Amino acid sequence: MIETEKKQERILLVGVELQGMDNFEMSMEELASLAKTAGGDVRGSYTQKREKYDTKTFVGAGKLEEIAQMVEADEITTVVVNNRLTPRQNVNLEEILGVKVIDRMQLILDIFAMRARSHEGKLQVHLAQLKYLLPRLVGQGIMLSRQAGESQLELNRRSVRNQITDIERQLKAVEKNRETLREKRLESPAFKIGLIGYTNAGKSTIMNQLTSKSQYEADELFATLDATTKSIHLTGNLQVTLTDTVGFIQDLPTELVSSFKSTLEESKNVDLLVHVIDASDPNHEEHEKTVVSIMKDLDMLEIPRLTLYNKADKVADFTPTQTPFSLISARSETAREDLQALLLEKLKELFVPFTIRVPFSKSYRTHDLETVAIIDQREFEEDVEVIQGYIAEKNKWKLEEFYDGLC
């Protein structure tokens, strides 16, 4: 973890740009944000263009000497490398530089460990950390004889493997309970909406606006990790569920994608995805591509989608990369009403229209219908009420009791 109890660690960033590499500058900027999110004090960065990474030290000898000088001159305590290091590279760099060296993957894992709040989230992060650690258990017996060192190393590996097995067992039990709850939600007639997007796009702000409940939100990466599902009323008695999950990021460690698969799959079982994008971020187009790529990996591209470009108050002229789209400011005074209107408009596109004639003597039967349908118009004719609206395909069966009064 970057931040200690005594003081901030002084961070130096290091990156290597290979030929044909896309978005290198964006990736380095993001690395700085990650380091700051973890509580570090970023003192500078060193980058180098190479045809391939140095197999022993990641960067070339000349650049490594410059880095070593910077580490000593500025009292750097941690070097963060913007790529996944091999165990050998990690050990060599620490020996040469004399300070702690971590890579982008470990930094993200550290942040996740800081942010996880639920029991399941903590288990998932711990599992990811152990899987990341296992191949890096080297050099444990340097001060011992070779035989003793190898024995200790094997004991450490065995301990980590046992911990991995135990956590995976616990997660299976948690997942079984999650699956039971998920099945109940799937059986529920409530229309399910899921928020999805790059980290720090504003999903938690939108969640808070629509639910009027406090969920941690901040201008930082991975402010929210655990999946959260809440019920909301969009209009009248119409009730839907809204789910928020962890934000995505470029080059999300495979250990985390695997560990958080069950959490991310909360977004797979929704009827509508709301893709939230930070319109003020100059790299928003690349962020969108990252999210869509992960959606593809999770087989979520077929789910209906509403694209929301957020933080409109921070941009003057904006050209979207996705259409259709809506431009909003989730922190504005009218945000709640704006979001509700956009969602209702989208639901009308997805729902099927209906018209029913309900005798006054049976008007009480419309209450349950109002919880799953958009009631657009109500008119009274003699002894009947004519109701026009929209309802989800999966809930059309609720109109059966009014079949004798369908128009």
Foldseek 3Di string as FASTA:
>chain_A
DQADPPGGAEEEEEEEAAPPDPPPVVLSVVLVQLCVLLPHHYDYYYYYYDNAADLQARDDPVSLVVVLVCCVVVVGAEYEYADDHQLRNQVNSCVSNVHHYYYPQVSVLSSQCVQDDDPLSNLLSVLLVLVSCLNNLPPQAVVHPPVVSVVVSVVVNVVSVVSNVVSVVVNVVVLVVVVVVLVVVLPDLAAEEEEAFAFQLCPQLLVCLQPVDDDQDDNGGFNDAAKDKDWGALDDQAIHIYIYHHHDDPCHDPSNCVSCVSRVCVNQSGQEYEYGFAQLDPCRVVRVVRRVVVCVVNVNPPRHYAYEHEPPVNDDDTDDPDPPYYYYYSPDPCNSVVVSVSVVVVVQVQWDKWKFKAFPVCVVLCSVVVHFWAFDDWDDDDGIIITITTGHPVCVVSCVVRVVGTD
